[in-house]
Each structure stands twice: as C-alpha cells, then as structure tokens.
C-alpha atoms as a PDB file:
ATOM      1  CA  MET A   1      -0.009   0.330  -0.001  1.00  0.00           C
ATOM      2  CA  ILE A   2       0.943   3.626  -1.006  1.00  0.00           C
ATOM      3  CA  GLY A   3       0.624   6.967   0.074  1.00  0.00           C
ATOM      4  CA  TYR A   4      -1.403   9.803  -1.953  1.00  0.00           C
ATOM      5  CA  VAL A   5      -1.624  13.367  -1.751  1.00  0.00           C
ATOM      6  CA  ILE A   6      -3.983  16.004  -2.496  1.00  0.00           C
ATOM      7  CA  GLY A   7      -3.184  19.286  -2.264  1.00  0.00           C
ATOM      8  CA  ASP A   8      -1.312  22.759  -3.400  1.00  0.00           C
ATOM      9  CA  SER A   9       2.006  22.786  -5.362  1.00  0.00           C
ATOM     10  CA  ASP A  10       4.403  22.694  -2.795  1.00  0.00           C
ATOM     11  CA  MET A  11       2.747  20.322  -0.458  1.00  0.00           C
ATOM     12  CA  ILE A  12       2.763  17.967  -3.497  1.00  0.00           C
ATOM     13  CA  THR A  13       6.489  18.822  -4.149  1.00  0.00           C
ATOM     14  CA  GLY A  14       7.556  18.306  -0.756  1.00  0.00           C
ATOM     15  CA  PHE A  15       5.792  14.608  -0.554  1.00  0.00           C
ATOM     16  CA  ARG A  16       7.143  13.839  -3.927  1.00  0.00           C
ATOM     17  CA  LEU A  17      10.775  14.480  -2.391  1.00  0.00           C
ATOM     18  CA  VAL A  18      10.066  11.497   0.250  1.00  0.00           C
ATOM     19  CA  GLY A  19       8.410   9.143  -2.682  1.00  0.00           C
ATOM     20  CA  VAL A  20       5.065   9.845  -2.144  1.00  0.00           C
ATOM     21  CA  GLU A  21       2.393  10.233  -5.007  1.00  0.00           C
ATOM     22  CA  GLY A  22      -0.043  13.068  -5.143  1.00  0.00           C
ATOM     23  CA  VAL A  23      -2.034  15.361  -7.323  1.00  0.00           C
ATOM     24  CA  GLU A  24      -1.942  19.161  -7.192  1.00  0.00           C
ATOM     25  CA  ALA A  25      -5.562  20.586  -6.799  1.00  0.00           C
ATOM     26  CA  THR A  26      -6.002  24.363  -7.220  1.00  0.00           C
ATOM     27  CA  SER A  27     -10.078  24.030  -6.167  1.00  0.00           C
ATOM     28  CA  VAL A  28     -12.478  22.276  -4.479  1.00  0.00           C
ATOM     29  CA  ASP A  29     -13.766  20.573  -7.268  1.00  0.00           C
ATOM     30  CA  GLU A  30     -10.353  19.185  -8.060  1.00  0.00           C
ATOM     31  CA  ALA A  31      -9.850  17.868  -4.988  1.00  0.00           C
ATOM     32  CA  ARG A  32     -12.911  16.033  -5.200  1.00  0.00           C
ATOM     33  CA  GLN A  33     -12.026  14.703  -8.632  1.00  0.00           C
ATOM     34  CA  ALA A  34      -8.524  13.604  -7.573  1.00  0.00           C
ATOM     35  CA  LEU A  35     -10.098  11.861  -4.321  1.00  0.00           C
ATOM     36  CA  ASN A  36     -12.582  10.121  -6.191  1.00  0.00           C
ATOM     37  CA  LYS A  37      -9.935   8.677  -8.475  1.00  0.00           C
ATOM     38  CA  ALA A  38      -7.649   7.959  -5.616  1.00  0.00           C
ATOM     39  CA  ILE A  39     -10.379   6.032  -3.649  1.00  0.00           C
ATOM     40  CA  THR A  40     -10.571   3.366  -6.701  1.00  0.00           C
ATOM     41  CA  ARG A  41      -7.134   2.483  -6.657  1.00  0.00           C
ATOM     42  CA  ASN A  42      -6.291  -0.714  -4.923  1.00  0.00           C
ATOM     43  CA  ASP A  43      -2.640   0.023  -4.332  1.00  0.00           C
ATOM     44  CA  ILE A  44      -3.688   3.517  -2.249  1.00  0.00           C
ATOM     45  CA  GLY A  45      -3.669   2.841   1.571  1.00  0.00           C
ATOM     46  CA  ILE A  46      -3.628   6.664   2.847  1.00  0.00           C
ATOM     47  CA  ILE A  47      -4.995   9.744   1.310  1.00  0.00           C
ATOM     48  CA  ILE A  48      -3.337  12.846   2.765  1.00  0.00           C
ATOM     49  CA  ILE A  49      -5.335  16.176   1.659  1.00  0.00           C
ATOM     50  CA  SER A  50      -4.887  19.345   2.532  1.00  0.00           C
ATOM     51  CA  GLU A  51      -7.621  20.897   4.906  1.00  0.00           C
ATOM     52  CA  SER A  52      -7.926  24.061   2.942  1.00  0.00           C
ATOM     53  CA  PHE A  53     -10.309  22.043   0.675  1.00  0.00           C
ATOM     54  CA  LEU A  54     -12.395  20.825   3.750  1.00  0.00           C
ATOM     55  CA  THR A  55     -13.846  24.411   4.582  1.00  0.00           C
ATOM     56  CA  ASP A  56     -16.004  23.149   1.568  1.00  0.00           C
ATOM     57  CA  LEU A  57     -18.778  21.615   3.767  1.00  0.00           C
ATOM     58  CA  PRO A  58     -20.408  19.048   0.706  1.00  0.00           C
ATOM     59  CA  LEU A  59     -16.698  17.511   0.545  1.00  0.00           C
ATOM     60  CA  ARG A  60     -16.210  17.432   4.313  1.00  0.00           C
ATOM     61  CA  VAL A  61     -19.447  15.400   4.347  1.00  0.00           C
ATOM     62  CA  GLU A  62     -18.639  13.322   1.693  1.00  0.00           C
ATOM     63  CA  ILE A  63     -15.289  12.205   3.101  1.00  0.00           C
ATOM     64  CA  ASP A  64     -16.510  11.746   6.555  1.00  0.00           C
ATOM     65  CA  LYS A  65     -19.241   9.417   4.769  1.00  0.00           C
ATOM     66  CA  MET A  66     -15.975   7.454   2.664  1.00  0.00           C
ATOM     67  CA  ARG A  67     -14.181   7.353   6.381  1.00  0.00           C
ATOM     68  CA  GLN A  68     -17.638   5.449   7.966  1.00  0.00           C
ATOM     69  CA  GLU A  69     -17.937   3.052   5.005  1.00  0.00           C
ATOM     70  CA  ARG A  70     -14.460   1.975   4.095  1.00  0.00           C
ATOM     71  CA  VAL A  71     -11.642   0.717   6.173  1.00  0.00           C
ATOM     72  CA  THR A  72      -8.953   1.826   3.328  1.00  0.00           C
ATOM     73  CA  PRO A  73      -7.871   4.072   1.963  1.00  0.00           C
ATOM     74  CA  LEU A  74      -7.086   5.949   5.367  1.00  0.00           C
ATOM     75  CA  ILE A  75      -8.094   9.727   4.836  1.00  0.00           C
ATOM     76  CA  VAL A  76      -5.957  12.272   7.153  1.00  0.00           C
ATOM     77  CA  GLU A  77      -6.697  15.716   6.496  1.00  0.00           C
ATOM     78  CA  ILE A  78      -3.022  18.100   7.171  1.00  0.00           C
ATOM     79  CA  PRO A  79      -2.610  21.941   6.772  1.00  0.00           C
ATOM     80  CA  GLY A  80      -1.644  22.754   3.523  1.00  0.00           C
ATOM     81  CA  SER A  81       1.654  25.086   2.787  1.00  0.00           C
ATOM     82  CA  MET A  82      -0.346  28.031   2.251  1.00  0.00           C
ATOM     83  CA  GLU A  83      -2.633  27.730   5.625  1.00  0.00           C
ATOM     84  CA  PRO A  84      -1.764  29.777   8.596  1.00  0.00           C
ATOM     85  CA  PRO A  85       0.660  27.787  11.360  1.00  0.00           C
ATOM     86  CA  ASN A  86      -1.258  25.893  14.139  1.00  0.00           C
ATOM     87  CA  GLN A  87       0.049  24.492  17.220  1.00  0.00           C
ATOM     88  CA  THR A  88       1.394  21.545  15.704  1.00  0.00           C
ATOM     89  CA  GLN A  89       4.407  21.422  13.548  1.00  0.00           C
ATOM     90  CA  LEU A  90       3.554  20.048   9.939  1.00  0.00           C
ATOM     91  CA  SER A  91       7.006  17.854   9.985  1.00  0.00           C
ATOM     92  CA  SER A  92       5.779  16.616  12.995  1.00  0.00           C
ATOM     93  CA  ILE A  93       2.187  15.410  11.255  1.00  0.00           C
ATOM     94  CA  ILE A  94       3.910  14.062   8.634  1.00  0.00           C
ATOM     95  CA  SER A  95       6.302  11.967  10.928  1.00  0.00           C
ATOM     96  CA  LYS A  96       3.570  10.559  12.373  1.00  0.00           C
ATOM     97  CA  ILE A  97       1.969   9.715   9.281  1.00  0.00           C
ATOM     98  CA  LEU A  98       4.511   8.317   7.119  1.00  0.00           C
ATOM     99  CA  GLY A  99       6.692   6.864  10.306  1.00  0.00           C
ATOM    100  CA  ILE A 100       9.865   8.438   9.223  1.00  0.00           C
ATOM    101  CA  LYS A 101      11.824  11.298  11.403  1.00  0.00           C
ATOM    102  CA  MET A 102      11.914  14.629   9.379  1.00  0.00           C
END
C-alpha cells in the first residue's frame, strides 16, 4: 500500500521528495475529482488531503461518509503549505503519518 497526496504545489513537491505520489489541486472541485480517482485505486492505503479543501461542507460530508463506509484508504487531513500555522508543526504530522523522522 502506498500514500497519495492531494494539495497545493508546495505540499505535493514536499511529499514527492520523500517518494509519495500525489496530485496538485487548485480548487475544491479538482480536489474532489482527485479524491474520487484515488479511492478507486487498490494500491493506495492512505490519502493525505490539504485541510483547506475541507472548508467546503459538501466535500467534508463526503469524506466523513467515506471514512464511515470504508476501512481503506485512510483519509487524513493536514494543513496545506499556504495555511496559517497552528500549534502542531507540519513536519511532526508528516512524521507521524509516514513513520519517518524529518
């Protein structure tokens, strides 16, 4: 099983540097399309999506429904590169998700 990232270009570039495949999305609709394609793939075990897309309530509801109905892939939201900093360091979140020290 592999990881897959849906986010802005900086987020995608960062994950590609550690070998994680992904797609850049610049709108909620692009993120939804990428997510729908990703969940059909049998080789993806975790989908990491920028939480900036989840401000769209219909997409959040759709993802919550996927989480309830499916065991895999695990869908995780993390702050995107353009979002205001929060209490948790992005590198800490990525390290926990991927199991690597950054």
